[in-house]
Amino acid sequence: MHRLVYVVVATVLTLVGAAPATAAPLPRPVPSVVVAAQPPATTAMMSVRGAGPYRIGASLDRLTAAGLIDWSVATCDGVVAAGATGPWAGVILLAFRHGRLVEVSTATVPPYSPAGAGVGMTFAQLETIYGPRGGLISNDAGTATAYLVRVGARVELFTGHPIRPGVGAFQVGTASFVERNFRQGGTC
C-alpha cells in the first residue's frame, strides 16, 4: 500500500516536472459583439449616487473636513458651489443646498454614467443606450433641449453643447434641484 502511494507521488512529480517552465498562456476568447460606449472598468463613473467620495446627500462640512473640497463659494438661496480635490479636481463641480450635496456635474470625458453615456455623445446615442428609461426634454422657455434619465427621486441629465450638436454637460443629483434648474433656470 505504501509503495502505491510512492508510485503515485513519483508519477505526479514526474509529470509536473516534465511540464515546460514557461508554458504559453491559453488564448482568450474574443467577444463576438462589441458594445459601444461601455467604458473600461477603471474609468471614473458618475451616477445618481454621485461620483467617487462625493455622494449625493453628503455634508459639505464633512467633505471639507476630510480634505475633499478645494474651494467653495456661496451663490444664493442656500446653494454653495464647490470644487473637488485629488483625481476629481477639474473634472467635476459640486452644488450643495443647505449644506447637503444635491448635484455633481461635469463637462469632461470621463466620467461616464453606469450605462456608458457621457459628454460628447449625441442625443441619438443616448436614446440607443437608455431606450425607454430616458427621453428628451425642453426647458420651460423652449430654448434648450436635454436628455433626462429618472431614477427614483434622482436624475441623470445630459444637456446640449453650446457650439456643436450633442452632449456638452452631464449632471447627476436630486430631481428637485437638477431637473428643476434645467427646466426653470437657476434660482439666482
Protein backbone atom coordinates (compact mmCIF):
# COMPACT_ATOMS: atom_id res chain seq x y z
CA MET A 1 0.00 0.00 0.00
CA HIS A 2 2.78 2.42 0.93
CA ARG A 3 4.56 1.53 -2.26
CA LEU A 4 1.46 2.54 -4.30
CA VAL A 5 1.43 5.97 -2.62
CA TYR A 6 5.12 6.45 -3.50
CA VAL A 7 4.45 5.45 -7.10
CA VAL A 8 1.53 7.91 -7.38
CA VAL A 9 3.55 10.75 -5.82
CA ALA A 10 6.56 9.98 -8.01
CA THR A 11 4.33 9.93 -11.12
CA VAL A 12 2.74 13.26 -10.25
CA LEU A 13 6.12 14.84 -9.56
CA THR A 14 7.47 13.50 -12.82
CA LEU A 15 4.51 14.89 -14.75
CA VAL A 16 4.74 18.27 -13.06
CA GLY A 17 8.48 18.41 -13.55
CA ALA A 18 8.09 17.40 -17.19
CA ALA A 19 5.88 20.39 -17.96
CA PRO A 20 7.74 23.31 -19.56
CA ALA A 21 8.53 26.09 -17.10
CA THR A 22 7.25 28.78 -19.44
CA ALA A 23 4.04 27.38 -20.76
CA ALA A 24 2.25 29.67 -23.17
CA PRO A 25 -0.95 31.20 -21.82
CA LEU A 26 -4.17 29.84 -23.18
CA PRO A 27 -5.75 32.07 -25.80
CA ARG A 28 -8.65 34.16 -24.51
CA PRO A 29 -11.86 34.07 -26.48
CA VAL A 30 -12.58 37.29 -28.35
CA PRO A 31 -16.09 38.60 -27.78
CA SER A 32 -18.18 38.37 -30.91
CA VAL A 33 -20.17 41.51 -30.06
CA VAL A 34 -18.63 44.80 -29.03
CA VAL A 35 -20.93 47.03 -27.00
CA ALA A 36 -20.44 50.68 -27.90
CA ALA A 37 -20.00 53.36 -25.26
CA GLN A 38 -19.03 50.95 -22.48
CA PRO A 39 -16.13 52.47 -20.58
CA PRO A 40 -13.37 50.28 -19.15
CA ALA A 41 -13.89 49.13 -15.57
CA THR A 42 -11.16 51.51 -14.38
CA THR A 43 -12.85 54.58 -15.88
CA ALA A 44 -14.35 57.12 -13.50
CA MET A 45 -18.09 56.69 -13.05
CA MET A 46 -20.74 59.21 -12.12
CA SER A 47 -24.23 58.02 -11.17
CA VAL A 48 -27.32 59.30 -9.39
CA ARG A 49 -25.46 58.32 -6.21
CA GLY A 50 -22.65 60.79 -7.01
CA ALA A 51 -19.03 60.35 -8.03
CA GLY A 52 -16.29 58.71 -6.00
CA PRO A 53 -16.42 60.03 -2.42
CA TYR A 54 -18.86 62.78 -3.45
CA ARG A 55 -22.17 61.12 -2.60
CA ILE A 56 -25.50 62.87 -3.08
CA GLY A 57 -26.71 63.94 0.36
CA ALA A 58 -23.18 64.19 1.81
CA SER A 59 -22.47 67.09 4.15
CA LEU A 60 -20.34 69.98 2.88
CA ASP A 61 -18.78 70.23 6.36
CA ARG A 62 -17.84 66.53 6.39
CA LEU A 63 -16.32 66.63 2.88
CA THR A 64 -14.41 69.82 3.74
CA ALA A 65 -13.07 68.31 6.98
CA ALA A 66 -11.92 65.24 5.01
CA GLY A 67 -9.92 67.48 2.63
CA LEU A 68 -12.16 66.69 -0.33
CA ILE A 69 -13.22 70.29 -1.10
CA ASP A 70 -10.72 72.60 -2.80
CA TRP A 71 -12.81 75.78 -2.94
CA SER A 72 -16.39 76.86 -2.33
CA VAL A 73 -18.49 79.93 -2.98
CA ALA A 74 -21.98 80.74 -1.70
CA THR A 75 -24.28 81.68 -4.56
CA CYS A 76 -27.83 82.28 -3.33
CA ASP A 77 -30.89 80.56 -1.91
CA GLY A 78 -28.72 78.35 0.34
CA VAL A 79 -26.67 76.99 -2.62
CA VAL A 80 -22.89 76.63 -2.42
CA ALA A 81 -20.81 75.75 -5.50
CA ALA A 82 -17.60 73.83 -4.78
CA GLY A 83 -14.62 72.22 -6.44
CA ALA A 84 -13.28 68.73 -5.79
CA THR A 85 -9.73 67.71 -4.87
CA GLY A 86 -7.50 64.81 -5.90
CA PRO A 87 -8.31 62.85 -9.05
CA TRP A 88 -11.70 64.59 -9.30
CA ALA A 89 -10.20 68.13 -9.31
CA GLY A 90 -11.01 69.91 -12.56
CA VAL A 91 -13.30 67.05 -13.57
CA ILE A 92 -16.45 67.67 -11.53
CA LEU A 93 -18.24 70.61 -9.96
CA LEU A 94 -20.39 70.22 -6.88
CA ALA A 95 -23.54 72.00 -5.71
CA PHE A 96 -24.69 71.94 -2.10
CA ARG A 97 -28.07 73.18 -0.93
CA HIS A 98 -28.43 73.93 2.76
CA GLY A 99 -25.17 72.07 3.41
CA ARG A 100 -26.04 68.84 1.52
CA LEU A 101 -24.70 67.69 -1.86
CA VAL A 102 -27.50 67.87 -4.42
CA GLU A 103 -25.63 67.89 -7.74
CA VAL A 104 -22.42 66.64 -9.33
CA SER A 105 -21.72 67.93 -12.84
CA THR A 106 -19.02 67.59 -15.47
CA ALA A 107 -18.18 68.82 -18.94
CA THR A 108 -15.36 66.30 -19.45
CA VAL A 109 -14.84 62.70 -20.54
CA PRO A 110 -14.61 60.62 -18.41
CA PRO A 111 -16.64 60.24 -16.23
CA TYR A 112 -19.36 58.11 -17.74
CA SER A 113 -22.71 57.01 -16.40
CA PRO A 114 -23.05 53.34 -15.34
CA ALA A 115 -24.80 52.75 -18.69
CA GLY A 116 -21.78 54.13 -20.57
CA ALA A 117 -23.11 57.58 -21.52
CA GLY A 118 -21.09 60.75 -21.30
CA VAL A 119 -20.12 64.14 -22.66
CA GLY A 120 -19.52 64.25 -26.41
CA MET A 121 -22.23 61.77 -27.37
CA THR A 122 -25.23 62.62 -29.49
CA PHE A 123 -28.76 62.55 -28.14
CA ALA A 124 -29.45 59.68 -30.58
CA GLN A 125 -26.66 57.66 -28.92
CA LEU A 126 -28.24 58.33 -25.52
CA GLU A 127 -31.59 57.08 -26.83
CA THR A 128 -29.88 53.89 -28.01
CA ILE A 129 -28.19 53.39 -24.63
CA TYR A 130 -31.18 54.17 -22.40
CA GLY A 131 -34.17 53.23 -24.54
CA PRO A 132 -37.44 53.82 -22.69
CA ARG A 133 -35.64 54.67 -19.42
CA GLY A 134 -34.89 58.20 -20.65
CA GLY A 135 -36.09 60.85 -23.03
CA LEU A 136 -35.59 64.31 -24.49
CA ILE A 137 -37.00 67.26 -22.56
CA SER A 138 -37.06 71.01 -23.14
CA ASN A 139 -36.72 73.81 -20.65
CA ASP A 140 -39.81 75.86 -19.83
CA ALA A 141 -38.69 78.70 -22.12
CA GLY A 142 -38.30 76.27 -25.04
CA THR A 143 -34.74 77.44 -25.66
CA ALA A 144 -32.78 74.32 -24.63
CA THR A 145 -33.03 70.55 -25.00
CA ALA A 146 -31.62 67.89 -22.71
CA TYR A 147 -31.80 64.15 -22.23
CA LEU A 148 -33.24 63.09 -18.86
CA VAL A 149 -32.99 59.71 -17.12
CA ARG A 150 -35.01 59.49 -13.92
CA VAL A 151 -34.02 57.04 -11.17
CA GLY A 152 -36.47 57.45 -8.31
CA ALA A 153 -36.08 60.95 -6.86
CA ARG A 154 -32.75 61.43 -8.65
CA VAL A 155 -31.79 62.09 -12.26
CA GLU A 156 -29.05 61.92 -14.84
CA LEU A 157 -29.27 64.97 -17.10
CA PHE A 158 -27.32 65.41 -20.33
CA THR A 159 -27.52 68.98 -21.62
CA GLY A 160 -26.57 70.38 -25.01
CA HIS A 161 -23.22 71.71 -26.15
CA PRO A 162 -23.01 75.45 -26.86
CA ILE A 163 -21.21 75.18 -30.24
CA ARG A 164 -21.90 71.71 -31.63
CA PRO A 165 -24.74 69.18 -31.56
CA GLY A 166 -24.77 66.68 -28.72
CA VAL A 167 -23.98 66.49 -25.05
CA GLY A 168 -21.87 69.25 -23.54
CA ALA A 169 -22.52 68.59 -19.85
CA PHE A 170 -23.55 65.65 -17.67
CA GLN A 171 -25.23 66.26 -14.31
CA VAL A 172 -26.49 63.90 -11.62
CA GLY A 173 -28.36 64.55 -8.41
CA THR A 174 -31.75 65.17 -6.89
CA ALA A 175 -34.52 65.82 -9.40
CA SER A 176 -35.83 68.68 -7.26
CA PHE A 177 -32.55 70.53 -7.87
CA VAL A 178 -31.02 69.27 -11.16
CA GLU A 179 -34.16 68.90 -13.26
CA ARG A 180 -35.85 71.96 -11.79
CA ASN A 181 -32.81 74.15 -12.51
CA PHE A 182 -32.76 72.98 -16.12
CA ARG A 183 -36.48 73.41 -16.68
CA GLN A 184 -36.93 76.71 -14.81
CA GLY A 185 -33.43 78.12 -14.77
CA GLY A 186 -31.38 78.67 -11.62
CA THR A 187 -32.90 80.48 -8.68
CA CYS A 188 -30.10 83.06 -8.71
